[in-house]
Amino acid sequence: QVQLVESGGGLVQAGGSLRLSCLASGGTFSRYAMGWFRQAPGKER
């Protein structure tokens, strides 16, 4: 089993920046392809 924990989200003004982090545990991280997805209300991921 692999556990993934995201952090770094929040509220930002338009034009600003954020850096999201995802910490993995429980597996060999280097062996996995990694992806980021997003889902807004009423929309598909």
ModelCIF file with pLDDT and N, C-alpha, C, O atoms, coordinates in Angstrom:
data_MODEL
#
_entry.id   MODEL 
#
_entity.id                         1 
_entity.type                       polymer 
_entity.pdbx_number_of_molecules   1 
#
_entity_poly.entity_id                      1 
_entity_poly.type                           'polypeptide(L)' 
_entity_poly.nstd_linkage                   no 
_entity_poly.nstd_monomer                   no 
_entity_poly.pdbx_seq_one_letter_code       QVQLVESGGGLVQAGGSLRLSCLASGGTFSRYAMGWFRQAPGKER 
_entity_poly.pdbx_seq_one_letter_code_can   QVQLVESGGGLVQAGGSLRLSCLASGGTFSRYAMGWFRQAPGKER 
_entity_poly.pdbx_strand_id                 A 
#
loop_
_entity_poly_seq.entity_id 
_entity_poly_seq.num 
_entity_poly_seq.mon_id 
_entity_poly_seq.hetero 
1 1  GLN n 
1 2  VAL n 
1 3  GLN n 
1 4  LEU n 
1 5  VAL n 
1 6  GLU n 
1 7  SER n 
1 8  GLY n 
1 9  GLY n 
1 10 GLY n 
1 11 LEU n 
1 12 VAL n 
1 13 GLN n 
1 14 ALA n 
1 15 GLY n 
1 16 GLY n 
1 17 SER n 
1 18 LEU n 
1 19 ARG n 
1 20 LEU n 
1 21 SER n 
1 22 CYS n 
1 23 LEU n 
1 24 ALA n 
1 25 SER n 
1 26 GLY n 
1 27 GLY n 
1 28 THR n 
1 29 PHE n 
1 30 SER n 
1 31 ARG n 
1 32 TYR n 
1 33 ALA n 
1 34 MET n 
1 35 GLY n 
1 36 TRP n 
1 37 PHE n 
1 38 ARG n 
1 39 GLN n 
1 40 ALA n 
1 41 PRO n 
1 42 GLY n 
1 43 LYS n 
1 44 GLU n 
1 45 ARG n 
#
_struct_asym.id          A 
_struct_asym.entity_id   1 
#
loop_
_ma_qa_metric.id 
_ma_qa_metric.mode 
_ma_qa_metric.name 
_ma_qa_metric.software_group_id 
_ma_qa_metric.type 
1 global pLDDT . pLDDT 
2 local  pLDDT . pLDDT 
#
_ma_qa_metric_global.metric_id      1 
_ma_qa_metric_global.metric_value   94.09 
_ma_qa_metric_global.model_id       1 
_ma_qa_metric_global.ordinal_id     1 
#
loop_
_ma_qa_metric_local.label_asym_id 
_ma_qa_metric_local.label_comp_id 
_ma_qa_metric_local.label_seq_id 
_ma_qa_metric_local.metric_id 
_ma_qa_metric_local.metric_value 
_ma_qa_metric_local.model_id 
_ma_qa_metric_local.ordinal_id 
A GLN 1  2 81.00 1 1  
A VAL 2  2 90.00 1 2  
A GLN 3  2 95.00 1 3  
A LEU 4  2 97.00 1 4  
A VAL 5  2 97.00 1 5  
A GLU 6  2 97.00 1 6  
A SER 7  2 97.00 1 7  
A GLY 8  2 98.00 1 8  
A GLY 9  2 98.00 1 9  
A GLY 10 2 98.00 1 10 
A LEU 11 2 98.00 1 11 
A VAL 12 2 98.00 1 12 
A GLN 13 2 98.00 1 13 
A ALA 14 2 98.00 1 14 
A GLY 15 2 98.00 1 15 
A GLY 16 2 98.00 1 16 
A SER 17 2 98.00 1 17 
A LEU 18 2 98.00 1 18 
A ARG 19 2 98.00 1 19 
A LEU 20 2 98.00 1 20 
A SER 21 2 98.00 1 21 
A CYS 22 2 97.00 1 22 
A LEU 23 2 96.00 1 23 
A ALA 24 2 94.00 1 24 
A SER 25 2 94.00 1 25 
A GLY 26 2 87.00 1 26 
A GLY 27 2 80.00 1 27 
A THR 28 2 81.00 1 28 
A PHE 29 2 82.00 1 29 
A SER 30 2 82.00 1 30 
A ARG 31 2 85.00 1 31 
A TYR 32 2 89.00 1 32 
A ALA 33 2 91.00 1 33 
A MET 34 2 94.00 1 34 
A GLY 35 2 96.00 1 35 
A TRP 36 2 97.00 1 36 
A PHE 37 2 98.00 1 37 
A ARG 38 2 98.00 1 38 
A GLN 39 2 98.00 1 39 
A ALA 40 2 97.00 1 40 
A PRO 41 2 93.00 1 41 
A GLY 42 2 95.00 1 42 
A LYS 43 2 95.00 1 43 
A GLU 44 2 94.00 1 44 
A ARG 45 2 95.00 1 45 
#
loop_
_atom_site.group_PDB 
_atom_site.id 
_atom_site.type_symbol 
_atom_site.label_atom_id 
_atom_site.label_alt_id 
_atom_site.label_comp_id 
_atom_site.label_asym_id 
_atom_site.label_entity_id 
_atom_site.label_seq_id 
_atom_site.pdbx_PDB_ins_code 
_atom_site.Cartn_x 
_atom_site.Cartn_y 
_atom_site.Cartn_z 
_atom_site.occupancy 
_atom_site.B_iso_or_equiv 
_atom_site.pdbx_formal_charge 
_atom_site.auth_seq_id 
_atom_site.auth_comp_id 
_atom_site.auth_asym_id 
_atom_site.auth_atom_id 
_atom_site.pdbx_PDB_model_num 
ATOM 1   N N  . GLN A 1 1  ? 0.829   -1.188 0.000   1.00 81.00 ? 1  GLN A N  1 
ATOM 2   C CA . GLN A 1 1  ? 0.000   0.000  0.000   1.00 81.00 ? 1  GLN A CA 1 
ATOM 3   C C  . GLN A 1 1  ? 0.871   1.249  0.000   1.00 81.00 ? 1  GLN A C  1 
ATOM 4   O O  . GLN A 1 1  ? 1.914   1.306  0.651   1.00 81.00 ? 1  GLN A O  1 
ATOM 5   N N  . VAL A 1 2  ? 0.421   2.228  -0.735  1.00 90.00 ? 2  VAL A N  1 
ATOM 6   C CA . VAL A 1 2  ? 1.104   3.504  -0.814  1.00 90.00 ? 2  VAL A CA 1 
ATOM 7   C C  . VAL A 1 2  ? 0.177   4.573  -0.256  1.00 90.00 ? 2  VAL A C  1 
ATOM 8   O O  . VAL A 1 2  ? -0.986  4.668  -0.648  1.00 90.00 ? 2  VAL A O  1 
ATOM 9   N N  . GLN A 1 3  ? 0.692   5.360  0.643   1.00 95.00 ? 3  GLN A N  1 
ATOM 10  C CA . GLN A 1 3  ? -0.060  6.480  1.192   1.00 95.00 ? 3  GLN A CA 1 
ATOM 11  C C  . GLN A 1 3  ? 0.492   7.779  0.633   1.00 95.00 ? 3  GLN A C  1 
ATOM 12  O O  . GLN A 1 3  ? 1.703   7.999  0.618   1.00 95.00 ? 3  GLN A O  1 
ATOM 13  N N  . LEU A 1 4  ? -0.403  8.630  0.176   1.00 97.00 ? 4  LEU A N  1 
ATOM 14  C CA . LEU A 1 4  ? -0.035  9.916  -0.386  1.00 97.00 ? 4  LEU A CA 1 
ATOM 15  C C  . LEU A 1 4  ? -0.719  11.016 0.406   1.00 97.00 ? 4  LEU A C  1 
ATOM 16  O O  . LEU A 1 4  ? -1.919  10.946 0.670   1.00 97.00 ? 4  LEU A O  1 
ATOM 17  N N  . VAL A 1 5  ? 0.037   12.020 0.778   1.00 97.00 ? 5  VAL A N  1 
ATOM 18  C CA . VAL A 1 5  ? -0.492  13.134 1.555   1.00 97.00 ? 5  VAL A CA 1 
ATOM 19  C C  . VAL A 1 5  ? -0.103  14.433 0.884   1.00 97.00 ? 5  VAL A C  1 
ATOM 20  O O  . VAL A 1 5  ? 1.079   14.758 0.767   1.00 97.00 ? 5  VAL A O  1 
ATOM 21  N N  . GLU A 1 6  ? -1.108  15.176 0.442   1.00 97.00 ? 6  GLU A N  1 
ATOM 22  C CA . GLU A 1 6  ? -0.871  16.465 -0.201  1.00 97.00 ? 6  GLU A CA 1 
ATOM 23  C C  . GLU A 1 6  ? -0.831  17.577 0.831   1.00 97.00 ? 6  GLU A C  1 
ATOM 24  O O  . GLU A 1 6  ? -1.427  17.481 1.904   1.00 97.00 ? 6  GLU A O  1 
ATOM 25  N N  . SER A 1 7  ? -0.120  18.623 0.482   1.00 97.00 ? 7  SER A N  1 
ATOM 26  C CA . SER A 1 7  ? -0.093  19.821 1.300   1.00 97.00 ? 7  SER A CA 1 
ATOM 27  C C  . SER A 1 7  ? 0.239   21.005 0.406   1.00 97.00 ? 7  SER A C  1 
ATOM 28  O O  . SER A 1 7  ? 0.672   20.834 -0.734  1.00 97.00 ? 7  SER A O  1 
ATOM 29  N N  . GLY A 1 8  ? 0.035   22.196 0.927   1.00 98.00 ? 8  GLY A N  1 
ATOM 30  C CA . GLY A 1 8  ? 0.410   23.401 0.212   1.00 98.00 ? 8  GLY A CA 1 
ATOM 31  C C  . GLY A 1 8  ? -0.727  24.166 -0.409  1.00 98.00 ? 8  GLY A C  1 
ATOM 32  O O  . GLY A 1 8  ? -0.516  25.256 -0.942  1.00 98.00 ? 8  GLY A O  1 
ATOM 33  N N  . GLY A 1 9  ? -1.929  23.626 -0.356  1.00 98.00 ? 9  GLY A N  1 
ATOM 34  C CA . GLY A 1 9  ? -3.067  24.342 -0.898  1.00 98.00 ? 9  GLY A CA 1 
ATOM 35  C C  . GLY A 1 9  ? -3.451  25.506 -0.014  1.00 98.00 ? 9  GLY A C  1 
ATOM 36  O O  . GLY A 1 9  ? -2.954  25.656 1.102   1.00 98.00 ? 9  GLY A O  1 
ATOM 37  N N  . GLY A 1 10 ? -4.341  26.323 -0.530  1.00 98.00 ? 10 GLY A N  1 
ATOM 38  C CA . GLY A 1 10 ? -4.795  27.470 0.229   1.00 98.00 ? 10 GLY A CA 1 
ATOM 39  C C  . GLY A 1 10 ? -5.461  28.483 -0.656  1.00 98.00 ? 10 GLY A C  1 
ATOM 40  O O  . GLY A 1 10 ? -5.840  28.195 -1.792  1.00 98.00 ? 10 GLY A O  1 
ATOM 41  N N  . LEU A 1 11 ? -5.598  29.673 -0.122  1.00 98.00 ? 11 LEU A N  1 
ATOM 42  C CA . LEU A 1 11 ? -6.230  30.785 -0.818  1.00 98.00 ? 11 LEU A CA 1 
ATOM 43  C C  . LEU A 1 11 ? -5.153  31.711 -1.365  1.00 98.00 ? 11 LEU A C  1 
ATOM 44  O O  . LEU A 1 11 ? -4.229  32.098 -0.650  1.00 98.00 ? 11 LEU A O  1 
ATOM 45  N N  . VAL A 1 12 ? -5.283  32.059 -2.627  1.00 98.00 ? 12 VAL A N  1 
ATOM 46  C CA . VAL A 1 12 ? -4.307  32.930 -3.266  1.00 98.00 ? 12 VAL A CA 1 
ATOM 47  C C  . VAL A 1 12 ? -5.023  33.878 -4.217  1.00 98.00 ? 12 VAL A C  1 
ATOM 48  O O  . VAL A 1 12 ? -6.056  33.535 -4.791  1.00 98.00 ? 12 VAL A O  1 
ATOM 49  N N  . GLN A 1 13 ? -4.472  35.057 -4.377  1.00 98.00 ? 13 GLN A N  1 
ATOM 50  C CA . GLN A 1 13 ? -5.024  36.025 -5.311  1.00 98.00 ? 13 GLN A CA 1 
ATOM 51  C C  . GLN A 1 13 ? -4.676  35.646 -6.745  1.00 98.00 ? 13 GLN A C  1 
ATOM 52  O O  . GLN A 1 13 ? -3.651  35.014 -7.000  1.00 98.00 ? 13 GLN A O  1 
ATOM 53  N N  . ALA A 1 14 ? -5.525  36.033 -7.665  1.00 98.00 ? 14 ALA A N  1 
ATOM 54  C CA . ALA A 1 14 ? -5.240  35.811 -9.076  1.00 98.00 ? 14 ALA A CA 1 
ATOM 55  C C  . ALA A 1 14 ? -3.877  36.401 -9.435  1.00 98.00 ? 14 ALA A C  1 
ATOM 56  O O  . ALA A 1 14 ? -3.530  37.510 -9.030  1.00 98.00 ? 14 ALA A O  1 
ATOM 57  N N  . GLY A 1 15 ? -3.122  35.631 -10.201 1.00 98.00 ? 15 GLY A N  1 
ATOM 58  C CA . GLY A 1 15 ? -1.782  36.035 -10.565 1.00 98.00 ? 15 GLY A CA 1 
ATOM 59  C C  . GLY A 1 15 ? -0.708  35.527 -9.622  1.00 98.00 ? 15 GLY A C  1 
ATOM 60  O O  . GLY A 1 15 ? 0.482   35.622 -9.920  1.00 98.00 ? 15 GLY A O  1 
ATOM 61  N N  . GLY A 1 16 ? -1.121  34.993 -8.499  1.00 98.00 ? 16 GLY A N  1 
ATOM 62  C CA . GLY A 1 16 ? -0.187  34.492 -7.515  1.00 98.00 ? 16 GLY A CA 1 
ATOM 63  C C  . GLY A 1 16 ? 0.247   33.069 -7.779  1.00 98.00 ? 16 GLY A C  1 
ATOM 64  O O  . GLY A 1 16 ? -0.106  32.471 -8.796  1.00 98.00 ? 16 GLY A O  1 
ATOM 65  N N  . SER A 1 17 ? 1.021   32.534 -6.845  1.00 98.00 ? 17 SER A N  1 
ATOM 66  C CA . SER A 1 17 ? 1.602   31.207 -6.995  1.00 98.00 ? 17 SER A CA 1 
ATOM 67  C C  . SER A 1 17 ? 1.409   30.372 -5.747  1.00 98.00 ? 17 SER A C  1 
ATOM 68  O O  . SER A 1 17 ? 1.284   30.896 -4.640  1.00 98.00 ? 17 SER A O  1 
ATOM 69  N N  . LEU A 1 18 ? 1.387   29.073 -5.944  1.00 98.00 ? 18 LEU A N  1 
ATOM 70  C CA . LEU A 1 18 ? 1.387   28.100 -4.868  1.00 98.00 ? 18 LEU A CA 1 
ATOM 71  C C  . LEU A 1 18 ? 2.247   26.923 -5.288  1.00 98.00 ? 18 LEU A C  1 
ATOM 72  O O  . LEU A 1 18 ? 2.358   26.617 -6.476  1.00 98.00 ? 18 LEU A O  1 
ATOM 73  N N  . ARG A 1 19 ? 2.851   26.268 -4.318  1.00 98.00 ? 19 ARG A N  1 
ATOM 74  C CA . ARG A 1 19 ? 3.544   25.025 -4.576  1.00 98.00 ? 19 ARG A CA 1 
ATOM 75  C C  . ARG A 1 19 ? 2.918   23.921 -3.739  1.00 98.00 ? 19 ARG A C  1 
ATOM 76  O O  . ARG A 1 19 ? 2.932   23.969 -2.510  1.00 98.00 ? 19 ARG A O  1 
ATOM 77  N N  . LEU A 1 20 ? 2.374   22.937 -4.418  1.00 98.00 ? 20 LEU A N  1 
ATOM 78  C CA . LEU A 1 20 ? 1.798   21.783 -3.761  1.00 98.00 ? 20 LEU A CA 1 
ATOM 79  C C  . LEU A 1 20 ? 2.862   20.707 -3.581  1.00 98.00 ? 20 LEU A C  1 
ATOM 80  O O  . LEU A 1 20 ? 3.744   20.540 -4.424  1.00 98.00 ? 20 LEU A O  1 
ATOM 81  N N  . SER A 1 21 ? 2.765   19.988 -2.482  1.00 98.00 ? 21 SER A N  1 
ATOM 82  C CA . SER A 1 21 ? 3.664   18.877 -2.210  1.00 98.00 ? 21 SER A CA 1 
ATOM 83  C C  . SER A 1 21 ? 2.857   17.617 -1.973  1.00 98.00 ? 21 SER A C  1 
ATOM 84  O O  . SER A 1 21 ? 1.735   17.668 -1.468  1.00 98.00 ? 21 SER A O  1 
ATOM 85  N N  . CYS A 1 22 ? 3.429   16.502 -2.337  1.00 97.00 ? 22 CYS A N  1 
ATOM 86  C CA . CYS A 1 22 ? 2.813   15.206 -2.106  1.00 97.00 ? 22 CYS A CA 1 
ATOM 87  C C  . CYS A 1 22 ? 3.866   14.275 -1.542  1.00 97.00 ? 22 CYS A C  1 
ATOM 88  O O  . CYS A 1 22 ? 4.819   13.911 -2.231  1.00 97.00 ? 22 CYS A O  1 
ATOM 89  N N  . LEU A 1 23 ? 3.693   13.895 -0.297  1.00 96.00 ? 23 LEU A N  1 
ATOM 90  C CA . LEU A 1 23 ? 4.621   13.001 0.372   1.00 96.00 ? 23 LEU A CA 1 
ATOM 91  C C  . LEU A 1 23 ? 4.099   11.578 0.289   1.00 96.00 ? 23 LEU A C  1 
ATOM 92  O O  . LEU A 1 23 ? 2.958   11.305 0.661   1.00 96.00 ? 23 LEU A O  1 
ATOM 93  N N  . ALA A 1 24 ? 4.934   10.674 -0.199  1.00 94.00 ? 24 ALA A N  1 
ATOM 94  C CA . ALA A 1 24 ? 4.555   9.277  -0.364  1.00 94.00 ? 24 ALA A CA 1 
ATOM 95  C C  . ALA A 1 24 ? 5.234   8.411  0.685   1.00 94.00 ? 24 ALA A C  1 
ATOM 96  O O  . ALA A 1 24 ? 6.371   8.664  1.083   1.00 94.00 ? 24 ALA A O  1 
ATOM 97  N N  . SER A 1 25 ? 4.519   7.389  1.122   1.00 94.00 ? 25 SER A N  1 
ATOM 98  C CA . SER A 1 25 ? 5.076   6.424  2.053   1.00 94.00 ? 25 SER A CA 1 
ATOM 99  C C  . SER A 1 25 ? 4.472   5.056  1.771   1.00 94.00 ? 25 SER A C  1 
ATOM 100 O O  . SER A 1 25 ? 3.413   4.950  1.151   1.00 94.00 ? 25 SER A O  1 
ATOM 101 N N  . GLY A 1 26 ? 5.151   4.010  2.229   1.00 87.00 ? 26 GLY A N  1 
ATOM 102 C CA . GLY A 1 26 ? 4.625   2.662  2.099   1.00 87.00 ? 26 GLY A CA 1 
ATOM 103 C C  . GLY A 1 26 ? 4.981   1.943  0.812   1.00 87.00 ? 26 GLY A C  1 
ATOM 104 O O  . GLY A 1 26 ? 4.494   0.837  0.578   1.00 87.00 ? 26 GLY A O  1 
ATOM 105 N N  . GLY A 1 27 ? 5.801   2.527  -0.015  1.00 80.00 ? 27 GLY A N  1 
ATOM 106 C CA . GLY A 1 27 ? 6.207   1.912  -1.258  1.00 80.00 ? 27 GLY A CA 1 
ATOM 107 C C  . GLY A 1 27 ? 7.541   2.445  -1.734  1.00 80.00 ? 27 GLY A C  1 
ATOM 108 O O  . GLY A 1 27 ? 8.141   3.317  -1.106  1.00 80.00 ? 27 GLY A O  1 
ATOM 109 N N  . THR A 1 28 ? 7.993   1.913  -2.845  1.00 81.00 ? 28 THR A N  1 
ATOM 110 C CA . THR A 1 28 ? 9.224   2.404  -3.452  1.00 81.00 ? 28 THR A CA 1 
ATOM 111 C C  . THR A 1 28 ? 8.861   3.553  -4.378  1.00 81.00 ? 28 THR A C  1 
ATOM 112 O O  . THR A 1 28 ? 8.457   3.353  -5.524  1.00 81.00 ? 28 THR A O  1 
ATOM 113 N N  . PHE A 1 29 ? 9.013   4.744  -3.859  1.00 82.00 ? 29 PHE A N  1 
ATOM 114 C CA . PHE A 1 29 ? 8.533   5.926  -4.548  1.00 82.00 ? 29 PHE A CA 1 
ATOM 115 C C  . PHE A 1 29 ? 9.100   6.058  -5.953  1.00 82.00 ? 29 PHE A C  1 
ATOM 116 O O  . PHE A 1 29 ? 8.376   6.404  -6.887  1.00 82.00 ? 29 PHE A O  1 
ATOM 117 N N  . SER A 1 30 ? 10.388  5.786  -6.106  1.00 82.00 ? 30 SER A N  1 
ATOM 118 C CA . SER A 1 30 ? 11.045  5.999  -7.385  1.00 82.00 ? 30 SER A CA 1 
ATOM 119 C C  . SER A 1 30 ? 10.517  5.094  -8.489  1.00 82.00 ? 30 SER A C  1 
ATOM 120 O O  . SER A 1 30 ? 10.773  5.354  -9.664  1.00 82.00 ? 30 SER A O  1 
ATOM 121 N N  . ARG A 1 31 ? 9.797   4.053  -8.148  1.00 85.00 ? 31 ARG A N  1 
ATOM 122 C CA . ARG A 1 31 ? 9.275   3.116  -9.134  1.00 85.00 ? 31 ARG A CA 1 
ATOM 123 C C  . ARG A 1 31 ? 7.932   3.553  -9.712  1.00 85.00 ? 31 ARG A C  1 
ATOM 124 O O  . ARG A 1 31 ? 7.457   2.964  -10.683 1.00 85.00 ? 31 ARG A O  1 
ATOM 125 N N  . TYR A 1 32 ? 7.331   4.557  -9.140  1.00 89.00 ? 32 TYR A N  1 
ATOM 126 C CA . TYR A 1 32 ? 6.000   4.976  -9.557  1.00 89.00 ? 32 TYR A CA 1 
ATOM 127 C C  . TYR A 1 32 ? 6.027   6.205  -10.433 1.00 89.00 ? 32 TYR A C  1 
ATOM 128 O O  . TYR A 1 32 ? 6.799   7.139  -10.212 1.00 89.00 ? 32 TYR A O  1 
ATOM 129 N N  . ALA A 1 33 ? 5.171   6.183  -11.427 1.00 91.00 ? 33 ALA A N  1 
ATOM 130 C CA . ALA A 1 33 ? 4.839   7.410  -12.115 1.00 91.00 ? 33 ALA A CA 1 
ATOM 131 C C  . ALA A 1 33 ? 3.912   8.216  -11.218 1.00 91.00 ? 33 ALA A C  1 
ATOM 132 O O  . ALA A 1 33 ? 3.065   7.652  -10.524 1.00 91.00 ? 33 ALA A O  1 
ATOM 133 N N  . MET A 1 34 ? 4.071   9.515  -11.232 1.00 94.00 ? 34 MET A N  1 
ATOM 134 C CA . MET A 1 34 ? 3.281   10.378 -10.372 1.00 94.00 ? 34 MET A CA 1 
ATOM 135 C C  . MET A 1 34 ? 2.486   11.366 -11.206 1.00 94.00 ? 34 MET A C  1 
ATOM 136 O O  . MET A 1 34 ? 2.946   11.849 -12.241 1.00 94.00 ? 34 MET A O  1 
ATOM 137 N N  . GLY A 1 35 ? 1.301   11.649 -10.738 1.00 96.00 ? 35 GLY A N  1 
ATOM 138 C CA . GLY A 1 35 ? 0.451   12.589 -11.448 1.00 96.00 ? 35 GLY A CA 1 
ATOM 139 C C  . GLY A 1 35 ? -0.286  13.513 -10.511 1.00 96.00 ? 35 GLY A C  1 
ATOM 140 O O  . GLY A 1 35 ? -0.473  13.222 -9.330  1.00 96.00 ? 35 GLY A O  1 
ATOM 141 N N  . TRP A 1 36 ? -0.696  14.625 -11.062 1.00 97.00 ? 36 TRP A N  1 
ATOM 142 C CA . TRP A 1 36 ? -1.569  15.574 -10.371 1.00 97.00 ? 36 TRP A CA 1 
ATOM 143 C C  . TRP A 1 36 ? -2.859  15.718 -11.155 1.00 97.00 ? 36 TRP A C  1 
ATOM 144 O O  . TRP A 1 36 ? -2.847  15.878 -12.376 1.00 97.00 ? 36 TRP A O  1 
ATOM 145 N N  . PHE A 1 37 ? -3.962  15.659 -10.445 1.00 98.00 ? 37 PHE A N  1 
ATOM 146 C CA . PHE A 1 37 ? -5.285  15.853 -11.010 1.00 98.00 ? 37 PHE A CA 1 
ATOM 147 C C  . PHE A 1 37 ? -6.021  16.884 -10.181 1.00 98.00 ? 37 PHE A C  1 
ATOM 148 O O  . PHE A 1 37 ? -5.618  17.194 -9.060  1.00 98.00 ? 37 PHE A O  1 
ATOM 149 N N  . ARG A 1 38 ? -7.097  17.412 -10.731 1.00 98.00 ? 38 ARG A N  1 
ATOM 150 C CA . ARG A 1 38 ? -7.907  18.348 -9.975  1.00 98.00 ? 38 ARG A CA 1 
ATOM 151 C C  . ARG A 1 38 ? -9.374  18.137 -10.307 1.00 98.00 ? 38 ARG A C  1 
ATOM 152 O O  . ARG A 1 38 ? -9.727  17.624 -11.369 1.00 98.00 ? 38 ARG A O  1 
ATOM 153 N N  . GLN A 1 39 ? -10.214 18.545 -9.371  1.00 98.00 ? 39 GLN A N  1 
ATOM 154 C CA . GLN A 1 39 ? -11.638 18.408 -9.563  1.00 98.00 ? 39 GLN A CA 1 
ATOM 155 C C  . GLN A 1 39 ? -12.346 19.620 -8.963  1.00 98.00 ? 39 GLN A C  1 
ATOM 156 O O  . GLN A 1 39 ? -12.235 19.899 -7.769  1.00 98.00 ? 39 GLN A O  1 
ATOM 157 N N  . ALA A 1 40 ? -13.064 20.320 -9.810  1.00 97.00 ? 40 ALA A N  1 
ATOM 158 C CA . ALA A 1 40 ? -13.873 21.447 -9.386  1.00 97.00 ? 40 ALA A CA 1 
ATOM 159 C C  . ALA A 1 40 ? -15.310 20.990 -9.197  1.00 97.00 ? 40 ALA A C  1 
ATOM 160 O O  . ALA A 1 40 ? -15.711 19.979 -9.774  1.00 97.00 ? 40 ALA A O  1 
ATOM 161 N N  . PRO A 1 41 ? -16.096 21.710 -8.401  1.00 93.00 ? 41 PRO A N  1 
ATOM 162 C CA . PRO A 1 41 ? -17.486 21.314 -8.173  1.00 93.00 ? 41 PRO A CA 1 
ATOM 163 C C  . PRO A 1 41 ? -18.257 21.151 -9.475  1.00 93.00 ? 41 PRO A C  1 
ATOM 164 O O  . PRO A 1 41 ? -18.219 22.021 -10.344 1.00 93.00 ? 41 PRO A O  1 
ATOM 165 N N  . GLY A 1 42 ? -18.954 20.035 -9.599  1.00 95.00 ? 42 GLY A N  1 
ATOM 166 C CA . GLY A 1 42 ? -19.767 19.778 -10.767 1.00 95.00 ? 42 GLY A CA 1 
ATOM 167 C C  . GLY A 1 42 ? -19.011 19.335 -12.000 1.00 95.00 ? 42 GLY A C  1 
ATOM 168 O O  . GLY A 1 42 ? -19.607 19.184 -13.067 1.00 95.00 ? 42 GLY A O  1 
ATOM 169 N N  . LYS A 1 43 ? -17.715 19.123 -11.879 1.00 95.00 ? 43 LYS A N  1 
ATOM 170 C CA . LYS A 1 43 ? -16.914 18.735 -13.026 1.00 95.00 ? 43 LYS A CA 1 
ATOM 171 C C  . LYS A 1 43 ? -16.209 17.412 -12.780 1.00 95.00 ? 43 LYS A C  1 
ATOM 172 O O  . LYS A 1 43 ? -16.053 16.967 -11.643 1.00 95.00 ? 43 LYS A O  1 
ATOM 173 N N  . GLU A 1 44 ? -15.787 16.797 -13.875 1.00 94.00 ? 44 GLU A N  1 
ATOM 174 C CA . GLU A 1 44 ? -15.019 15.573 -13.792 1.00 94.00 ? 44 GLU A CA 1 
ATOM 175 C C  . GLU A 1 44 ? -13.616 15.862 -13.289 1.00 94.00 ? 44 GLU A C  1 
ATOM 176 O O  . GLU A 1 44 ? -13.087 16.959 -13.468 1.00 94.00 ? 44 GLU A O  1 
ATOM 177 N N  . ARG A 1 45 ? -13.031 14.872 -12.665 1.00 95.00 ? 45 ARG A N  1 
ATOM 178 C CA . ARG A 1 45 ? -11.640 14.988 -12.291 1.00 95.00 ? 45 ARG A CA 1 
ATOM 179 C C  . ARG A 1 45 ? -10.795 15.042 -13.563 1.00 95.00 ? 45 ARG A C  1 
ATOM 180 O O  . ARG A 1 45 ? -9.570  15.141 -13.486 1.00 95.00 ? 45 ARG A O  1 
#
